[in-house]
């Protein structure tokens, strides 16, 4: 494992903080340069938009890579002192510019964010083979992805890593296993799953397509076409007066930030100072291209049209109740859980198959 990767595990850069620290934007990367060893060595760190760092320490006279920086060395040796200067820079950047994340590696974090954006799915955590894993799926029988830490010695490599496991058709497994970065699953059943090491060997776009295939397998080949899904979408009172909007019309255009379909149900969480689920809506149209001029505010390229079905009065679906059902983070859309749905139906005397 690279020295930088080991130090920055479970962290992801805040790009605004990088600029404040002294990084400079150069094309598709944020670049930082410094000198160590009283000017004898140059440090160049480049962090791309995926959060991956490319790091070099070179001899100022020869412009050659100083490979001794990768070795622990003996205490008191010259190489050890240069290594420590370099580590001090990395540690300061880690403290000042990186935020903690619940994953070891940047690609794992990006994959989880991709799932949240595309499907509104937050992970559930649990343990398999004595390791904490993040599961994705509406319930245990329909899991379509897992991200978990793995000792890379299992795959003939060194150090600690992280693996994404997705469902795949059995006839495709062997073809995948011939490609770099694809491995046999560590956590799930060998015959129906494939593993992808989160080491940047596979492009995010390919991972996105594999996730979509996995979901289709988990739901059943023909199930997704007719399945009505239920989402919880956040609404920020700072940017839109939801109550006024629905007082004017039962239908509104809304930012579409997940793969909804016509007929899906949307529970709208109205943010602070209200902090409650307030409306139930149905998606009547989706994938609408936003042609409105950009006025400098929050703007989405894709919209959906939602129709109000019910107003939840009495402030019963407040933050205290939602927290009991695991709804504590409303950064984006997520699936409605069966448990919370059952509670809402109980409180408001709704049928669970209400549409």
Protein backbone atom coordinates (compact mmCIF):
# COMPACT_ATOMS: atom_id res chain seq x y z
CA UNK A 1 0.00 0.00 0.00
CA UNK A 2 1.28 3.45 -0.84
CA UNK A 3 2.34 5.63 2.07
CA UNK A 4 -0.17 8.34 1.13
CA UNK A 5 -3.08 5.93 0.78
CA UNK A 6 -2.41 4.44 4.19
CA UNK A 7 -2.29 7.85 5.86
CA UNK A 8 -5.46 9.13 4.15
CA UNK A 9 -7.62 6.05 4.68
CA UNK A 10 -11.19 6.84 5.74
CA UNK A 11 -10.82 10.44 4.57
CA UNK A 12 -12.01 12.40 1.54
CA UNK A 13 -10.78 15.85 0.49
CA UNK A 14 -12.78 19.02 0.86
CA UNK A 15 -11.72 20.83 -2.31
CA UNK A 16 -12.53 24.27 -0.92
CA UNK A 17 -10.22 23.60 2.01
CA UNK A 18 -7.49 22.44 -0.39
CA UNK A 19 -7.55 25.84 -2.10
CA UNK A 20 -7.43 27.64 1.25
CA UNK A 21 -4.45 25.51 2.28
CA UNK A 22 -2.44 26.52 -0.77
CA UNK A 23 -3.33 24.01 -3.47
CA UNK A 24 -3.67 25.45 -6.97
CA UNK A 25 -6.25 24.27 -9.51
CA UNK A 26 -4.50 22.96 -12.62
CA UNK A 27 -6.79 21.45 -15.26
CA UNK A 28 -8.45 18.45 -13.57
CA UNK A 29 -6.38 18.38 -10.36
CA UNK A 30 -5.51 20.40 -7.26
CA UNK A 31 -1.72 20.72 -6.99
CA UNK A 32 0.50 21.54 -4.01
CA UNK A 33 4.27 21.97 -4.10
CA UNK A 34 6.81 22.35 -1.31
CA UNK A 35 10.48 21.83 -0.54
CA UNK A 36 11.94 19.68 2.23
CA UNK A 37 15.43 18.80 3.40
CA UNK A 38 16.45 22.47 3.29
CA UNK A 39 15.57 22.62 -0.38
CA UNK A 40 17.26 19.37 -1.37
CA UNK A 41 13.96 17.72 -2.33
CA UNK A 42 10.78 18.85 -4.07
CA UNK A 43 7.32 17.62 -3.08
CA UNK A 44 4.46 17.63 -5.58
CA UNK A 45 0.97 16.46 -4.59
CA UNK A 46 -1.86 16.34 -7.12
CA UNK A 47 -5.39 15.42 -6.00
CA UNK A 48 -7.92 14.81 -8.75
CA UNK A 49 -11.67 15.35 -8.55
CA UNK A 50 -12.14 11.71 -7.57
CA UNK A 51 -10.12 12.31 -4.41
CA UNK A 52 -7.13 10.28 -5.60
CA UNK A 53 -3.67 11.64 -4.75
CA UNK A 54 -0.65 11.39 -7.06
CA UNK A 55 2.45 12.14 -4.97
CA UNK A 56 6.11 12.59 -5.90
CA UNK A 57 9.22 13.48 -3.92
CA UNK A 58 12.16 14.24 -6.23
CA UNK A 59 15.80 15.15 -5.82
CA UNK A 60 16.20 18.87 -6.55
CA UNK A 61 19.50 18.32 -8.43
CA UNK A 62 18.75 15.21 -10.47
CA UNK A 63 14.94 15.49 -10.68
CA UNK A 64 14.80 11.76 -9.93
CA UNK A 65 12.24 10.13 -7.65
CA UNK A 66 13.57 9.80 -4.10
CA UNK A 67 12.54 6.19 -3.47
CA UNK A 68 13.93 6.12 0.07
CA UNK A 69 10.91 8.14 1.13
CA UNK A 70 8.92 4.89 0.84
CA UNK A 71 11.13 3.08 3.36
CA UNK A 72 10.86 3.42 7.14
CA UNK A 73 14.65 3.59 7.46
CA UNK A 74 16.66 3.62 10.63
CA UNK A 75 15.97 6.11 13.37
CA UNK A 76 18.32 9.07 13.05
CA UNK A 77 19.25 8.32 9.43
CA UNK A 78 19.11 11.07 6.82
CA UNK A 79 16.45 9.22 4.80
CA UNK A 80 14.32 8.85 7.93
CA UNK A 81 14.48 12.60 8.61
CA UNK A 82 13.39 13.43 5.04
CA UNK A 83 10.60 10.87 5.30
CA UNK A 84 9.41 12.48 8.54
CA UNK A 85 9.36 15.95 6.96
CA UNK A 86 7.23 14.54 4.16
CA UNK A 87 4.91 12.80 6.62
CA UNK A 88 4.49 16.06 8.55
CA UNK A 89 3.23 17.75 5.36
CA UNK A 90 0.80 14.91 4.62
CA UNK A 91 -0.52 14.85 8.18
CA UNK A 92 -1.10 18.61 8.19
CA UNK A 93 -3.01 18.35 4.89
CA UNK A 94 -5.02 15.44 6.26
CA UNK A 95 -5.99 17.44 9.37
CA UNK A 96 -6.74 20.67 7.51
CA UNK A 97 -8.29 19.55 4.22
CA UNK A 98 -9.84 16.09 4.63
CA UNK A 99 -13.11 15.03 6.20
CA UNK A 100 -13.72 11.60 7.79
CA UNK A 101 -15.78 9.09 5.80
CA UNK A 102 -17.10 5.62 6.74
CA UNK A 103 -15.02 3.97 4.00
CA UNK A 104 -11.33 3.19 3.66
CA UNK A 105 -10.85 4.41 0.10
CA UNK A 106 -12.08 7.28 -2.12
CA UNK A 107 -13.60 5.00 -4.76
CA UNK A 108 -15.74 3.27 -2.15
CA UNK A 109 -17.02 6.65 -0.94
CA UNK A 110 -17.74 7.79 -4.52
CA UNK A 111 -19.60 4.54 -5.19
CA UNK A 112 -21.80 5.02 -2.11
CA UNK A 113 -22.52 8.61 -3.18
CA UNK A 114 -23.35 7.35 -6.67
CA UNK A 115 -25.87 4.89 -5.21
CA UNK A 116 -27.40 7.66 -3.08
CA UNK A 117 -27.71 9.97 -6.09
CA UNK A 118 -29.04 7.37 -8.54
CA UNK A 119 -31.28 5.29 -6.29
CA UNK A 120 -31.78 7.28 -3.08
CA UNK A 121 -30.28 4.36 -1.19
CA UNK A 122 -28.44 4.84 2.10
CA UNK A 123 -26.35 1.87 3.28
CA UNK A 124 -27.21 -0.40 6.14
CA UNK A 125 -24.26 -1.52 8.24
CA UNK A 126 -23.68 -4.99 9.53
CA UNK A 127 -20.93 -7.53 10.06
CA UNK A 128 -19.84 -10.39 7.84
CA UNK A 129 -16.80 -12.53 8.51
CA UNK A 130 -16.06 -10.29 11.51
CA UNK A 131 -15.78 -7.17 9.35
CA UNK A 132 -18.10 -4.19 9.24
CA UNK A 133 -19.77 -3.96 5.83
CA UNK A 134 -22.15 -1.56 4.11
CA UNK A 135 -25.15 -3.20 2.42
CA UNK A 136 -27.38 -1.71 -0.28
CA UNK A 137 -30.90 -2.95 -1.07
CA UNK A 138 -34.47 -2.43 0.04
CA UNK A 139 -34.24 -5.48 2.31
CA UNK A 140 -31.93 -8.42 2.94
CA UNK A 141 -33.50 -10.54 0.19
CA UNK A 142 -32.97 -7.81 -2.42
CA UNK A 143 -29.43 -6.68 -1.66
CA UNK A 144 -27.60 -5.72 -4.80
CA UNK A 145 -24.29 -4.33 -3.48
CA UNK A 146 -21.92 -4.59 -0.56
CA UNK A 147 -18.80 -2.59 0.30
CA UNK A 148 -16.44 -4.03 2.88
CA UNK A 149 -12.80 -4.03 4.01
CA UNK A 150 -10.60 -6.94 2.99
CA UNK A 151 -7.08 -8.16 3.68
CA UNK A 152 -5.53 -8.07 0.22
CA UNK A 153 -3.40 -11.12 0.97
CA UNK A 154 -6.55 -13.09 0.05
CA UNK A 155 -5.86 -11.96 -3.53
CA UNK A 156 -2.08 -12.26 -3.43
CA UNK A 157 -1.47 -8.59 -2.68
CA UNK A 158 -0.20 -6.67 0.34
CA UNK A 159 -1.98 -4.43 2.82
CA UNK A 160 -5.61 -3.57 3.50
CA UNK A 161 -8.12 -2.72 0.81
CA UNK A 162 -11.82 -2.46 0.14
CA UNK A 163 -14.08 -4.43 -2.14
CA UNK A 164 -17.40 -3.77 -3.85
CA UNK A 165 -19.44 -6.91 -4.45
CA UNK A 166 -22.36 -6.97 -6.89
CA UNK A 167 -24.64 -9.62 -8.29
CA UNK A 168 -23.88 -10.92 -11.77
CA UNK A 169 -25.09 -13.56 -14.18
CA UNK A 170 -23.19 -16.79 -13.62
CA UNK A 171 -22.10 -17.02 -17.26
CA UNK A 172 -20.46 -13.57 -17.03
CA UNK A 173 -18.36 -14.26 -13.95
CA UNK A 174 -15.41 -15.93 -15.64
CA UNK A 175 -15.15 -13.17 -18.23
CA UNK A 176 -15.04 -10.54 -15.49
CA UNK A 177 -12.39 -12.48 -13.58
CA UNK A 178 -10.01 -12.19 -16.53
CA UNK A 179 -9.98 -8.40 -16.16
CA UNK A 180 -7.79 -6.33 -13.84
CA UNK A 181 -9.47 -5.34 -10.60
CA UNK A 182 -12.13 -8.07 -10.70
CA UNK A 183 -11.82 -10.80 -8.07
CA UNK A 184 -13.85 -13.57 -6.56
CA UNK A 185 -16.19 -12.22 -3.84
CA UNK A 186 -14.93 -12.36 -0.29
CA UNK A 187 -18.27 -11.93 1.51
CA UNK A 188 -21.10 -13.16 -0.72
CA UNK A 189 -21.86 -16.38 -2.59
CA UNK A 190 -19.24 -17.20 -5.20
CA UNK A 191 -21.62 -18.33 -7.95
CA UNK A 192 -23.87 -15.27 -8.11
CA UNK A 193 -21.61 -12.35 -7.12
CA UNK A 194 -18.43 -10.72 -8.40
CA UNK A 195 -15.94 -8.52 -6.52
CA UNK A 196 -14.33 -5.27 -7.69
CA UNK A 197 -11.33 -3.95 -5.77
CA UNK A 198 -11.79 -0.26 -4.94
CA UNK A 199 -8.28 0.61 -6.15
CA UNK A 200 -9.23 2.78 -9.16
CA UNK A 201 -8.51 -0.09 -11.58
CA UNK A 202 -12.11 0.14 -12.84
CA UNK A 203 -13.78 3.32 -14.03
CA UNK A 204 -16.72 4.73 -12.05
CA UNK A 205 -18.92 4.58 -15.16
CA UNK A 206 -18.40 0.82 -15.46
CA UNK A 207 -19.16 0.41 -11.77
CA UNK A 208 -22.40 2.36 -12.28
CA UNK A 209 -23.51 -0.03 -15.04
CA UNK A 210 -22.62 -3.07 -12.91
CA UNK A 211 -24.69 -1.68 -10.04
CA UNK A 212 -27.70 -1.22 -12.32
CA UNK A 213 -27.38 -4.80 -13.59
CA UNK A 214 -27.07 -6.06 -10.03
CA UNK A 215 -30.25 -4.25 -8.99
CA UNK A 216 -32.16 -5.79 -11.85
CA UNK A 217 -31.01 -9.25 -10.85
CA UNK A 218 -31.90 -8.59 -7.19
CA UNK A 219 -35.38 -7.37 -8.06
CA UNK A 220 -36.01 -10.03 -10.68
CA UNK A 221 -35.56 -9.50 -14.41
CA UNK A 222 -39.08 -8.21 -15.00
CA UNK A 223 -39.86 -6.77 -11.57
CA UNK A 224 -38.43 -3.28 -11.95
CA UNK A 225 -40.64 -2.35 -14.89
CA UNK A 226 -43.81 -2.48 -12.79
CA UNK A 227 -42.50 -1.93 -9.27
CA UNK A 228 -43.70 1.22 -7.53
CA UNK A 229 -40.96 2.50 -5.26
CA UNK A 230 -41.32 4.87 -2.34
CA UNK A 231 -38.84 7.65 -1.59
CA UNK A 232 -38.20 10.27 1.06
CA UNK A 233 -37.12 13.55 -0.57
CA UNK A 234 -35.84 16.55 1.40
CA UNK A 235 -37.16 20.07 0.87
CA UNK A 236 -35.34 23.15 2.16
CA UNK A 237 -37.66 25.96 3.39
CA UNK A 238 -34.86 28.46 2.67
CA UNK A 239 -35.25 27.94 -1.06
CA UNK A 240 -38.91 27.05 -1.54
CA UNK A 241 -42.13 27.61 0.38
CA UNK A 242 -43.66 24.17 -0.02
CA UNK A 243 -46.91 25.00 1.76
CA UNK A 244 -47.50 28.02 -0.49
CA UNK A 245 -46.65 26.00 -3.58
CA UNK A 246 -49.25 23.34 -2.79
CA UNK A 247 -51.80 26.00 -1.85
CA UNK A 248 -51.60 27.27 -5.44
CA UNK A 249 -51.59 23.89 -7.19
CA UNK A 250 -51.71 20.20 -6.34
CA UNK A 251 -48.90 19.60 -8.81
CA UNK A 252 -45.36 20.96 -8.67
CA UNK A 253 -42.16 20.57 -10.64
CA UNK A 254 -39.43 19.24 -8.39
CA UNK A 255 -35.72 18.50 -8.63
CA UNK A 256 -35.24 14.89 -9.75
CA UNK A 257 -32.09 13.56 -8.13
CA UNK A 258 -32.74 9.81 -8.21
CA UNK A 259 -33.97 7.29 -10.78
CA UNK A 260 -37.67 7.67 -10.11
CA UNK A 261 -40.41 6.47 -12.43
CA UNK A 262 -43.97 7.54 -13.06
CA UNK A 263 -46.15 6.17 -10.26
CA UNK A 264 -43.43 6.23 -7.59
CA UNK A 265 -44.43 7.73 -4.25
CA UNK A 266 -42.54 10.67 -2.75
CA UNK A 267 -42.68 11.52 0.97
CA UNK A 268 -41.41 15.08 1.36
CA UNK A 269 -39.37 15.89 4.45
CA UNK A 270 -39.67 19.62 5.14
CA UNK A 271 -36.37 20.75 6.67
CA UNK A 272 -35.67 22.89 9.70
CA UNK A 273 -37.14 24.77 11.43
CA UNK A 274 -40.01 22.36 10.69
CA UNK A 275 -38.14 19.07 10.58
CA UNK A 276 -40.93 16.69 9.61
CA UNK A 277 -42.40 14.63 6.78
CA UNK A 278 -45.29 16.79 5.64
CA UNK A 279 -46.56 15.60 2.24
CA UNK A 280 -47.09 12.40 0.30
CA UNK A 281 -46.94 12.83 -3.48
CA UNK A 282 -47.02 10.71 -6.62
CA UNK A 283 -44.66 11.13 -9.57
CA UNK A 284 -46.83 11.98 -12.57
CA UNK A 285 -43.98 12.78 -14.97
CA UNK A 286 -40.21 12.36 -14.79
CA UNK A 287 -36.95 12.99 -16.68
CA UNK A 288 -38.08 16.48 -17.69
CA UNK A 289 -35.29 18.64 -19.12
CA UNK A 290 -35.10 21.94 -17.25
CA UNK A 291 -35.16 24.68 -19.88
CA UNK A 292 -35.60 27.56 -17.44
CA UNK A 293 -32.81 30.18 -17.48
CA UNK A 294 -30.17 29.87 -14.77
CA UNK A 295 -30.86 32.62 -12.22
CA UNK A 296 -27.85 31.79 -10.06
CA UNK A 297 -29.80 29.83 -7.46
CA UNK A 298 -29.96 26.10 -6.87
CA UNK A 299 -30.81 24.56 -10.23
CA UNK A 300 -31.35 21.01 -11.46
CA UNK A 301 -30.94 19.89 -15.05
CA UNK A 302 -33.63 17.21 -14.61
CA UNK A 303 -37.08 17.71 -13.10
CA UNK A 304 -40.07 15.58 -12.23
CA UNK A 305 -43.71 16.56 -11.77
CA UNK A 306 -45.29 15.47 -8.50
CA UNK A 307 -48.96 15.39 -7.50
CA UNK A 308 -49.98 15.88 -3.87
CA UNK A 309 -51.86 12.92 -2.42
CA UNK A 310 -51.91 13.70 1.29
CA UNK A 311 -50.95 16.34 3.84
CA UNK A 312 -49.70 14.92 7.15
CA UNK A 313 -51.11 17.19 9.84
CA UNK A 314 -50.46 17.16 13.57
CA UNK A 315 -46.63 17.22 13.31
CA UNK A 316 -46.50 13.50 14.12
CA UNK A 317 -43.75 12.64 11.63
CA UNK A 318 -41.18 14.81 13.38
CA UNK A 319 -37.43 14.37 13.76
CA UNK A 320 -37.74 12.50 17.05
CA UNK A 321 -39.96 9.85 15.47
CA UNK A 322 -37.91 9.64 12.26
CA UNK A 323 -34.72 9.12 14.26
CA UNK A 324 -36.23 5.98 15.81
CA UNK A 325 -36.51 4.52 12.31
CA UNK A 326 -32.98 5.43 11.22
CA UNK A 327 -33.84 8.61 9.30
CA UNK A 328 -31.25 11.06 10.60
CA UNK A 329 -29.53 12.29 7.43
CA UNK A 330 -31.44 14.14 4.73
CA UNK A 331 -28.67 15.17 2.32
CA UNK A 332 -30.55 13.59 -0.57
CA UNK A 333 -33.39 11.24 -1.48
CA UNK A 334 -33.54 7.77 0.03
CA UNK A 335 -35.91 4.83 0.08
CA UNK A 336 -38.82 4.76 2.51
CA UNK A 337 -38.33 1.85 4.91
CA UNK A 338 -41.03 -0.75 5.49
CA UNK A 339 -40.96 -0.05 9.23
CA UNK A 340 -41.47 3.71 8.91
CA UNK A 341 -44.13 3.21 6.23
CA UNK A 342 -46.04 0.89 8.58
CA UNK A 343 -45.84 3.49 11.36
CA UNK A 344 -47.13 6.26 9.08
CA UNK A 345 -50.04 4.06 8.01
CA UNK A 346 -50.83 3.36 11.66
CA UNK A 347 -50.72 7.04 12.68
CA UNK A 348 -52.78 8.30 9.75
CA UNK A 349 -55.05 5.27 9.22
CA UNK A 350 -53.73 4.73 5.71
CA UNK A 351 -53.69 1.51 3.78
CA UNK A 352 -50.17 0.25 3.18
CA UNK A 353 -50.88 -0.16 -0.53
CA UNK A 354 -52.14 3.45 -0.84
CA UNK A 355 -51.25 5.06 -4.16
